[in-house]
């Protein structure tokens, strides 16, 4: 399993990606931050940010996946091969050896901001 360690918030470069209202509840959008495609989801009143690249196919499609839950775990299901990923940790729920990167995210003044390393 791969864990993504994020630097402290003070060392993050924060990029505004959209207004929270631009993301329909239960769906995701794709944002380009520091040259990386990031899938941003608005699920269960929370906002999550993961790498958009499906590690099984190499296609940048996770932002188009279906959201849901497995027990108490909120997930995104890739639209291609249907692998599920934990929205909080990026861990693949079908293959624990696989994960997608996660990114710090915050909502301020109705805007969604993604934190990335410079």
Protein backbone atom coordinates (compact mmCIF):
# COMPACT_ATOMS: atom_id res chain seq x y z
CA UNK A 1 0.00 0.00 0.00
CA UNK A 2 1.25 3.49 -0.82
CA UNK A 3 0.60 6.32 1.61
CA UNK A 4 0.82 9.93 0.54
CA UNK A 5 2.47 12.11 3.17
CA UNK A 6 1.45 15.73 2.85
CA UNK A 7 3.68 18.56 4.06
CA UNK A 8 2.25 20.81 6.78
CA UNK A 9 -0.42 23.22 5.55
CA UNK A 10 2.06 26.09 5.84
CA UNK A 11 4.28 24.40 3.21
CA UNK A 12 1.44 23.76 0.77
CA UNK A 13 0.86 25.85 -2.33
CA UNK A 14 -2.89 26.47 -2.36
CA UNK A 15 -4.71 26.80 -5.69
CA UNK A 16 -8.34 27.82 -6.08
CA UNK A 17 -9.97 25.33 -8.44
CA UNK A 18 -13.67 26.25 -8.46
CA UNK A 19 -16.64 27.32 -6.40
CA UNK A 20 -18.10 24.58 -4.23
CA UNK A 21 -21.42 25.18 -6.01
CA UNK A 22 -19.76 24.15 -9.29
CA UNK A 23 -19.54 20.55 -8.05
CA UNK A 24 -22.94 18.87 -7.83
CA UNK A 25 -23.29 16.85 -4.62
CA UNK A 26 -22.30 13.23 -5.21
CA UNK A 27 -20.14 14.04 -8.24
CA UNK A 28 -16.62 15.06 -9.16
CA UNK A 29 -14.77 17.45 -11.45
CA UNK A 30 -11.24 17.48 -12.78
CA UNK A 31 -8.82 20.33 -12.05
CA UNK A 32 -5.29 20.95 -13.31
CA UNK A 33 -3.07 21.94 -10.36
CA UNK A 34 0.69 22.37 -10.74
CA UNK A 35 0.52 20.31 -13.94
CA UNK A 36 -1.32 17.39 -12.28
CA UNK A 37 -4.88 16.30 -13.02
CA UNK A 38 -6.77 16.14 -9.73
CA UNK A 39 -10.25 14.68 -9.26
CA UNK A 40 -12.26 16.78 -6.79
CA UNK A 41 -15.40 15.27 -5.25
CA UNK A 42 -18.27 16.74 -3.23
CA UNK A 43 -19.70 13.78 -1.32
CA UNK A 44 -21.73 13.60 1.90
CA UNK A 45 -21.18 17.30 2.57
CA UNK A 46 -17.39 16.95 2.34
CA UNK A 47 -14.81 17.66 -0.36
CA UNK A 48 -12.07 15.20 -1.36
CA UNK A 49 -9.18 15.44 -3.82
CA UNK A 50 -7.43 12.45 -5.45
CA UNK A 51 -5.20 11.92 -8.43
CA UNK A 52 -7.37 11.63 -11.53
CA UNK A 53 -5.29 8.83 -13.11
CA UNK A 54 -6.73 5.31 -12.81
CA UNK A 55 -3.68 3.20 -11.87
CA UNK A 56 -5.12 0.11 -13.56
CA UNK A 57 -5.62 1.65 -17.00
CA UNK A 58 -3.48 4.78 -16.99
CA UNK A 59 -6.48 6.85 -18.13
CA UNK A 60 -7.33 10.14 -16.41
CA UNK A 61 -10.96 9.30 -15.63
CA UNK A 62 -11.53 9.03 -11.87
CA UNK A 63 -13.34 12.40 -11.76
CA UNK A 64 -16.03 10.81 -13.96
CA UNK A 65 -16.57 7.84 -11.66
CA UNK A 66 -19.57 6.98 -9.54
CA UNK A 67 -19.51 7.85 -5.85
CA UNK A 68 -20.96 5.73 -3.10
CA UNK A 69 -20.00 3.95 0.05
CA UNK A 70 -18.82 0.56 1.19
CA UNK A 71 -19.88 0.32 4.81
CA UNK A 72 -18.66 3.55 6.41
CA UNK A 73 -16.08 4.18 3.69
CA UNK A 74 -16.90 6.80 1.05
CA UNK A 75 -15.63 5.67 -2.34
CA UNK A 76 -15.23 6.52 -5.98
CA UNK A 77 -15.61 3.76 -8.59
CA UNK A 78 -13.51 4.09 -11.72
CA UNK A 79 -15.71 4.27 -14.82
CA UNK A 80 -13.47 1.89 -16.77
CA UNK A 81 -12.69 -1.31 -14.86
CA UNK A 82 -14.91 -0.47 -11.85
CA UNK A 83 -12.19 -0.54 -9.16
CA UNK A 84 -13.23 1.32 -6.01
CA UNK A 85 -11.00 3.82 -4.18
CA UNK A 86 -11.38 5.23 -0.67
CA UNK A 87 -12.02 8.98 -1.02
CA UNK A 88 -10.10 9.77 2.18
CA UNK A 89 -6.98 7.66 1.74
CA UNK A 90 -6.84 6.90 -1.99
CA UNK A 91 -6.45 3.19 -1.18
CA UNK A 92 -7.98 0.78 -3.66
CA UNK A 93 -10.71 -1.18 -1.89
CA UNK A 94 -10.35 -4.07 -4.35
CA UNK A 95 -6.54 -4.34 -4.28
CA UNK A 96 -4.93 -2.94 -1.09
CA UNK A 97 -1.50 -2.87 -2.78
CA UNK A 98 -2.71 -0.07 -5.08
CA UNK A 99 -3.54 3.55 -4.22
CA UNK A 100 -3.97 6.92 -5.90
CA UNK A 101 -2.45 10.09 -4.44
CA UNK A 102 -4.53 12.28 -2.17
CA UNK A 103 -4.34 16.04 -1.86
CA UNK A 104 -5.13 18.50 0.89
CA UNK A 105 -8.38 20.32 0.22
CA UNK A 106 -10.21 23.13 1.96
CA UNK A 107 -13.30 25.22 1.36
CA UNK A 108 -13.05 28.93 2.10
CA UNK A 109 -15.66 31.54 1.26
CA UNK A 110 -17.48 29.05 -0.93
CA UNK A 111 -14.37 28.27 -2.98
CA UNK A 112 -12.52 24.94 -3.21
CA UNK A 113 -8.75 25.12 -2.74
CA UNK A 114 -6.27 22.29 -3.38
CA UNK A 115 -2.94 22.10 -1.62
CA UNK A 116 0.07 20.75 -3.44
CA UNK A 117 3.79 20.62 -2.96
CA UNK A 118 5.64 23.26 -4.94
